[in-house]
Protein backbone atom coordinates (compact mmCIF):
# COMPACT_ATOMS: atom_id res chain seq x y z
CA MET A 1 -81.48 -128.37 -7.69
CA LYS A 2 -80.20 -125.05 -8.54
CA SER A 3 -76.91 -124.99 -10.92
CA MET A 4 -74.34 -122.04 -9.84
CA GLN A 5 -75.72 -120.32 -13.23
CA GLN A 6 -78.63 -120.10 -12.42
CA ARG A 7 -80.69 -116.89 -11.77
CA VAL A 8 -82.70 -116.93 -8.64
CA ALA A 9 -85.58 -115.13 -8.26
CA MET A 10 -87.89 -114.29 -5.27
CA ILE A 11 -91.75 -113.71 -4.85
CA THR A 12 -93.81 -113.68 -2.48
CA GLY A 13 -97.42 -114.53 -3.81
CA GLY A 14 -95.96 -116.33 -6.08
CA ASN A 15 -98.98 -119.82 -5.64
CA SER A 16 -101.94 -118.73 -6.65
CA GLY A 17 -103.87 -116.65 -9.23
CA ILE A 18 -101.53 -113.78 -11.04
CA GLY A 19 -98.05 -115.27 -8.77
CA PHE A 20 -98.60 -118.61 -9.98
CA ALA A 21 -98.33 -116.92 -14.10
CA ILE A 22 -95.74 -115.19 -13.16
CA SER A 23 -93.74 -117.79 -11.17
CA ALA A 24 -94.60 -120.32 -13.91
CA LYS A 25 -93.00 -117.31 -16.33
CA LEU A 26 -90.57 -117.03 -14.44
CA ALA A 27 -89.21 -121.14 -14.56
CA SER A 28 -89.90 -121.24 -17.76
CA SER A 29 -87.42 -117.97 -18.35
CA GLY A 30 -84.44 -120.53 -16.85
CA PHE A 31 -85.31 -118.86 -13.35
CA HIS A 32 -84.21 -120.50 -10.06
CA VAL A 33 -87.78 -119.62 -8.41
CA ILE A 34 -88.70 -119.06 -4.36
CA LEU A 35 -91.91 -119.29 -3.51
CA ALA A 36 -92.03 -117.10 -0.04
CA SER A 37 -95.33 -117.76 0.86
CA ARG A 38 -97.68 -118.18 3.95
CA ASN A 39 -99.48 -121.64 2.94
CA GLN A 40 -96.41 -124.04 2.32
CA GLN A 41 -99.11 -127.28 1.09
CA LYS A 42 -100.22 -124.79 -1.75
CA SER A 43 -96.93 -123.48 -2.61
CA ALA A 44 -96.32 -127.81 -2.73
CA ASP A 45 -99.29 -128.34 -5.00
CA ALA A 46 -98.25 -124.79 -6.89
CA ILE A 47 -94.27 -126.46 -7.19
CA GLN A 48 -96.10 -129.93 -8.39
CA GLN A 49 -97.88 -128.31 -11.59
CA ILE A 50 -95.58 -126.07 -12.51
CA ASN A 51 -93.33 -128.75 -13.14
CA ARG A 52 -95.78 -130.57 -15.13
CA LEU A 53 -96.06 -127.44 -17.60
CA VAL A 54 -92.75 -126.85 -17.31
CA PRO A 55 -90.55 -130.47 -17.31
CA GLY A 56 -87.05 -130.16 -14.97
CA ALA A 57 -88.34 -126.26 -13.26
CA SER A 58 -86.00 -125.32 -11.05
CA MET A 59 -88.19 -124.43 -7.57
CA GLU A 60 -89.03 -123.93 -3.83
CA SER A 61 -90.35 -122.53 -1.15
CA ILE A 62 -89.63 -120.74 2.01
CA PRO A 63 -92.57 -119.54 4.70
CA LEU A 64 -93.16 -116.51 4.68
CA ASP A 65 -96.31 -114.32 6.48
CA LEU A 66 -96.36 -110.75 5.80
CA ALA A 67 -98.02 -110.41 8.29
CA SER A 68 -95.39 -110.75 11.11
CA PHE A 69 -92.38 -109.16 11.54
CA ASP A 70 -90.68 -111.87 12.76
CA SER A 71 -91.73 -114.29 9.87
CA ILE A 72 -90.05 -112.05 7.79
CA ARG A 73 -87.00 -112.44 9.39
CA LYS A 74 -86.86 -116.28 9.93
CA CYS A 75 -88.34 -116.25 6.20
CA VAL A 76 -84.47 -114.29 5.34
CA ASP A 77 -82.65 -116.02 7.87
CA ILE A 78 -83.55 -119.33 5.61
CA PHE A 79 -82.44 -117.76 2.52
CA HIS A 80 -79.13 -116.92 3.74
CA SER A 81 -78.82 -119.80 5.01
CA ARG A 82 -78.73 -121.70 1.68
CA GLN A 83 -76.09 -119.18 0.30
CA TYR A 84 -77.88 -118.25 -3.38
CA PRO A 85 -76.96 -114.89 -5.05
CA LEU A 86 -80.76 -112.60 -5.45
CA HIS A 87 -81.14 -111.39 -8.82
CA LEU A 88 -84.72 -110.62 -9.37
CA LEU A 89 -86.87 -110.43 -5.86
CA ILE A 90 -90.87 -109.84 -6.81
CA ASN A 91 -93.01 -108.11 -4.03
CA HIS A 92 -96.42 -109.19 -5.41
CA ALA A 93 -98.23 -110.79 -1.97
CA GLY A 94 -101.23 -108.46 -0.78
CA GLY A 95 -104.54 -107.74 -1.68
CA LEU A 96 -107.62 -105.64 0.05
CA PHE A 97 -109.11 -106.96 3.25
CA PRO A 98 -112.85 -105.99 2.91
CA GLY A 99 -115.00 -105.75 6.07
CA LYS A 100 -116.53 -102.74 8.02
CA GLN A 101 -113.97 -103.39 10.94
CA ALA A 102 -109.98 -103.56 10.30
CA SER A 103 -108.17 -106.29 11.34
CA PHE A 104 -104.05 -106.12 12.26
CA THR A 105 -100.78 -107.96 11.87
CA ARG A 106 -99.03 -109.77 14.99
CA ASP A 107 -97.45 -106.64 15.22
CA GLY A 108 -100.19 -104.34 15.86
CA PHE A 109 -101.10 -102.47 12.15
CA GLU A 110 -103.82 -102.28 10.22
CA MET A 111 -103.69 -105.18 7.98
CA THR A 112 -103.79 -104.02 4.13
CA PHE A 113 -101.14 -101.48 5.23
CA GLY A 114 -99.19 -104.47 7.34
CA THR A 115 -99.07 -106.18 4.74
CA ASN A 116 -99.35 -104.29 1.34
CA HIS A 117 -96.70 -102.09 2.39
CA LEU A 118 -95.03 -102.72 5.52
CA GLY A 119 -94.02 -106.56 4.79
CA HIS A 120 -92.18 -106.09 1.66
CA PHE A 121 -90.49 -102.85 3.03
CA LEU A 122 -89.10 -105.24 5.51
CA LEU A 123 -88.51 -108.20 3.57
CA THR A 124 -86.86 -105.89 0.97
CA ASN A 125 -84.56 -103.90 3.23
CA LEU A 126 -83.52 -107.50 5.08
CA LEU A 127 -82.24 -108.69 1.33
CA LEU A 128 -81.06 -104.92 0.23
CA SER A 129 -77.26 -106.25 0.55
CA ASP A 130 -77.64 -109.56 -1.47
CA LEU A 131 -79.21 -107.94 -4.35
CA LYS A 132 -76.36 -104.91 -4.24
CA ARG A 133 -73.68 -108.62 -4.08
CA SER A 134 -75.79 -110.35 -6.70
CA ALA A 135 -75.78 -107.00 -9.52
CA PRO A 136 -77.32 -106.79 -11.80
CA SER A 137 -80.22 -107.01 -9.66
CA ARG A 138 -84.22 -105.92 -9.64
CA VAL A 139 -86.53 -105.61 -7.27
CA ILE A 140 -90.28 -104.80 -8.23
CA THR A 141 -92.88 -103.84 -6.33
CA VAL A 142 -96.70 -104.85 -7.13
CA SER A 143 -98.66 -101.98 -7.16
CA SER A 144 -101.93 -100.26 -8.91
CA ARG A 145 -103.19 -97.88 -10.72
CA LEU A 146 -106.28 -97.66 -8.26
CA HIS A 147 -103.29 -95.56 -5.91
CA ILE A 148 -104.44 -92.84 -8.80
CA PRO A 149 -107.53 -90.02 -7.20
CA GLY A 150 -110.43 -90.76 -9.61
CA TYR A 151 -109.19 -94.39 -11.08
CA GLY A 152 -110.90 -96.77 -10.82
CA TYR A 153 -114.06 -96.92 -8.56
CA GLY A 154 -114.84 -96.07 -5.09
CA PRO A 155 -113.80 -93.40 -2.75
CA ARG A 156 -110.04 -91.27 -3.64
CA PRO A 157 -106.82 -92.34 -1.75
CA ASN A 158 -105.84 -90.40 1.44
CA PHE A 159 -102.96 -91.77 3.05
CA ASP A 160 -103.36 -89.94 6.59
CA TYR A 161 -100.61 -91.08 9.41
CA GLU A 162 -103.14 -90.25 12.53
CA ASN A 163 -105.51 -92.71 10.61
CA LEU A 164 -102.73 -95.53 9.80
CA LYS A 165 -104.65 -97.76 12.39
CA ALA A 166 -108.13 -97.08 11.69
CA GLU A 167 -108.08 -94.66 14.88
CA LYS A 168 -110.83 -91.83 12.97
CA TYR A 169 -112.48 -94.26 10.88
CA TYR A 170 -111.98 -97.57 8.23
CA ASN A 171 -113.34 -97.67 4.35
CA ASP A 172 -111.33 -101.03 3.09
CA MET A 173 -111.24 -99.67 -0.08
CA VAL A 174 -109.24 -96.28 1.15
CA PHE A 175 -106.96 -98.36 2.36
CA TYR A 176 -106.20 -100.48 0.25
CA LYS A 177 -105.49 -97.78 -2.47
CA ASN A 178 -103.10 -95.86 0.33
CA SER A 179 -101.34 -98.86 0.25
CA LYS A 180 -100.75 -99.41 -3.15
CA LEU A 181 -99.71 -95.52 -3.32
CA ALA A 182 -97.61 -96.24 -0.19
CA ASN A 183 -96.38 -99.00 -2.84
CA ILE A 184 -95.41 -96.58 -4.98
CA TRP A 185 -93.18 -94.48 -2.87
CA PHE A 186 -91.75 -97.06 -1.83
CA ALA A 187 -90.51 -98.03 -5.16
CA TYR A 188 -89.30 -95.02 -6.08
CA GLU A 189 -87.77 -93.86 -3.23
CA LEU A 190 -86.17 -97.41 -2.89
CA ASN A 191 -84.83 -96.79 -6.21
CA ARG A 192 -83.25 -93.05 -5.10
CA GLN A 193 -81.39 -94.88 -2.89
CA LEU A 194 -80.28 -97.78 -4.97
CA ASN A 195 -78.17 -95.08 -7.12
CA GLY A 196 -75.00 -96.58 -8.33
CA SER A 197 -75.88 -99.91 -6.60
CA ARG A 198 -76.42 -101.99 -10.14
CA VAL A 199 -80.06 -102.73 -8.24
CA THR A 200 -82.79 -100.92 -9.71
CA SER A 201 -86.49 -100.79 -7.92
CA ASN A 202 -89.90 -100.41 -10.42
CA ALA A 203 -93.44 -100.62 -9.94
CA VAL A 204 -95.99 -102.34 -11.88
CA CYS A 205 -99.55 -102.71 -12.52
CA PRO A 206 -100.56 -106.29 -13.41
CA GLY A 207 -103.95 -104.81 -14.70
CA PHE A 208 -107.80 -105.94 -13.48
CA VAL A 209 -107.50 -109.49 -13.50
CA PRO A 210 -111.65 -110.87 -13.16
CA GLU A 211 -110.32 -114.57 -12.83
CA SER A 212 -108.18 -113.81 -9.62
CA ILE A 213 -110.57 -111.75 -7.52
CA ALA A 214 -112.55 -114.86 -8.60
CA GLU A 215 -110.83 -117.17 -6.63
CA LYS A 216 -111.13 -115.26 -3.30
CA GLN A 217 -114.74 -114.76 -3.18
CA LYS A 218 -117.08 -116.91 -1.15
CA SER A 219 -120.42 -116.72 -3.05
CA ARG A 220 -121.01 -119.58 -5.91
CA LEU A 221 -122.44 -115.88 -7.39
CA SER A 222 -119.84 -113.65 -7.15
CA ARG A 223 -117.36 -116.24 -8.95
CA TRP A 224 -119.23 -116.54 -11.99
CA PHE A 225 -119.52 -112.95 -11.57
CA TYR A 226 -116.22 -112.41 -11.65
CA ARG A 227 -115.35 -115.19 -14.51
CA GLU A 228 -118.09 -114.91 -16.51
CA PHE A 229 -119.67 -111.76 -16.75
CA MET A 230 -116.18 -109.25 -15.65
CA ALA A 231 -113.39 -111.29 -17.87
CA ARG A 232 -115.40 -110.22 -20.61
CA MET A 233 -114.80 -106.29 -19.97
CA PRO A 234 -112.89 -104.77 -22.61
CA PHE A 235 -110.36 -103.46 -19.70
CA ALA A 236 -110.35 -106.71 -18.07
CA ARG A 237 -107.11 -109.26 -17.93
CA SER A 238 -106.23 -112.61 -17.92
CA ALA A 239 -103.86 -113.68 -15.22
CA ASP A 240 -101.23 -114.79 -17.83
CA GLU A 241 -101.55 -111.14 -19.66
CA ALA A 242 -100.61 -109.70 -15.89
CA ALA A 243 -97.82 -112.05 -15.47
CA SER A 244 -96.38 -110.97 -18.75
CA SER A 245 -96.30 -107.39 -17.62
CA VAL A 246 -93.98 -108.57 -14.54
CA LEU A 247 -92.02 -110.65 -16.81
CA PHE A 248 -91.25 -108.00 -19.27
CA VAL A 249 -89.86 -106.15 -16.44
CA ALA A 250 -88.08 -108.67 -14.80
CA THR A 251 -86.35 -109.50 -18.02
CA ASP A 252 -86.36 -106.70 -20.46
CA PRO A 253 -82.91 -105.42 -20.40
CA ARG A 254 -83.80 -101.66 -20.25
CA TYR A 255 -84.99 -102.35 -16.43
CA GLU A 256 -81.33 -103.46 -16.19
CA THR A 257 -80.42 -99.58 -15.59
CA VAL A 258 -83.08 -98.06 -15.92
CA GLY A 259 -85.90 -97.59 -11.84
CA GLY A 260 -88.17 -95.00 -10.61
CA LYS A 261 -90.40 -96.52 -13.51
CA PHE A 262 -94.42 -96.79 -13.25
CA ILE A 263 -95.45 -99.78 -15.65
CA VAL A 264 -98.45 -100.70 -17.11
CA ASP A 265 -99.37 -102.94 -19.83
CA GLN A 266 -95.01 -102.69 -20.74
CA LYS A 267 -95.62 -99.46 -20.73
CA GLU A 268 -94.74 -96.53 -18.43
CA ILE A 269 -97.42 -94.38 -17.59
CA ASN A 270 -97.06 -91.50 -14.99
CA PHE A 271 -98.00 -91.92 -11.39
CA SER A 272 -99.95 -89.47 -9.62
CA PRO A 273 -99.15 -86.36 -8.44
CA GLU A 274 -99.02 -87.34 -5.22
CA SER A 275 -96.47 -89.70 -5.78
CA TYR A 276 -93.52 -87.69 -6.90
CA ASP A 277 -93.82 -85.89 -3.81
CA LEU A 278 -90.31 -86.49 -2.40
CA GLU A 279 -90.94 -85.20 0.91
CA LYS A 280 -93.82 -87.31 1.43
CA ALA A 281 -91.59 -90.60 -0.12
CA GLN A 282 -88.36 -89.95 2.16
CA GLN A 283 -91.32 -89.39 5.23
CA LEU A 284 -92.65 -93.33 4.55
CA TRP A 285 -89.23 -94.26 3.93
CA ASP A 286 -88.37 -93.13 7.36
CA ALA A 287 -91.58 -93.92 9.28
CA SER A 288 -91.29 -97.38 8.30
CA VAL A 289 -87.87 -97.39 9.66
CA GLN A 290 -89.05 -97.29 12.60
CA TRP A 291 -91.90 -99.16 12.48
CA CYS A 292 -90.14 -102.18 11.46
CA GLN A 293 -87.25 -101.14 13.67
CA LEU A 294 -84.86 -101.24 11.33
CA SER A 295 -82.78 -98.35 13.16
CA GLU A 296 -82.17 -101.05 15.91
CA ARG A 297 -81.93 -104.28 13.97
CA GLN A 298 -80.85 -104.73 11.16
């Protein structure tokens, strides 16, 4: 049970992989941790595991499907019914949805963009009043250096408003990188809009984590490849190392007052040149407000 003095953190996708490691570290740091995730059985199992690792951990779960605006609003309604403060929101869930054909959210948006960006955009905006009342508080959005053209492998990001629903073509890696660029624009613009509120917004790249990727692989060979081969690469990070990078931004005193940064391995690095474009960040914000119908119904 949460004590009146305890700081409250909500994390999306906190019941497996990197998210599980983050949740365990938050619980160990004394937070009351709310796992907002789609699979409630998986969250219950994660809470049991963390209680074994961190005796006395204060945790609970709330159902959340980031691919459904209705589910997001219900999640926030449940949170509000519990009358908690909110000191930390970690937008962690999401990922790459592989395939040659696009899939779509319940509200008709391409799944990668809809989950990685729009779902978190709506969730965060619906919780802003809670974060402000609980200030000083923080929003951390998990992004990736893959939004930087030329970084990593595969095609470059190509954020085209006329192709957000795969109207022209679909490439799963391009759409993933586009969503990570959207995460940066969102984190940066959110911080500008929060100026003076004592709420900060930053983005974090957890790095390349083969063990987390291995969990999502269907074939034994692919799982072995990531766990045994890619995990040995010098650029690879363990789930624990990735979680430590997020916990650093969640707890370091600097980020109580400093926002609008992109942090990798506990160091602030430059975004891509495009991610600094204030007009593009504002354009995406305004479009997202309309798509999420925030102007009509808060």
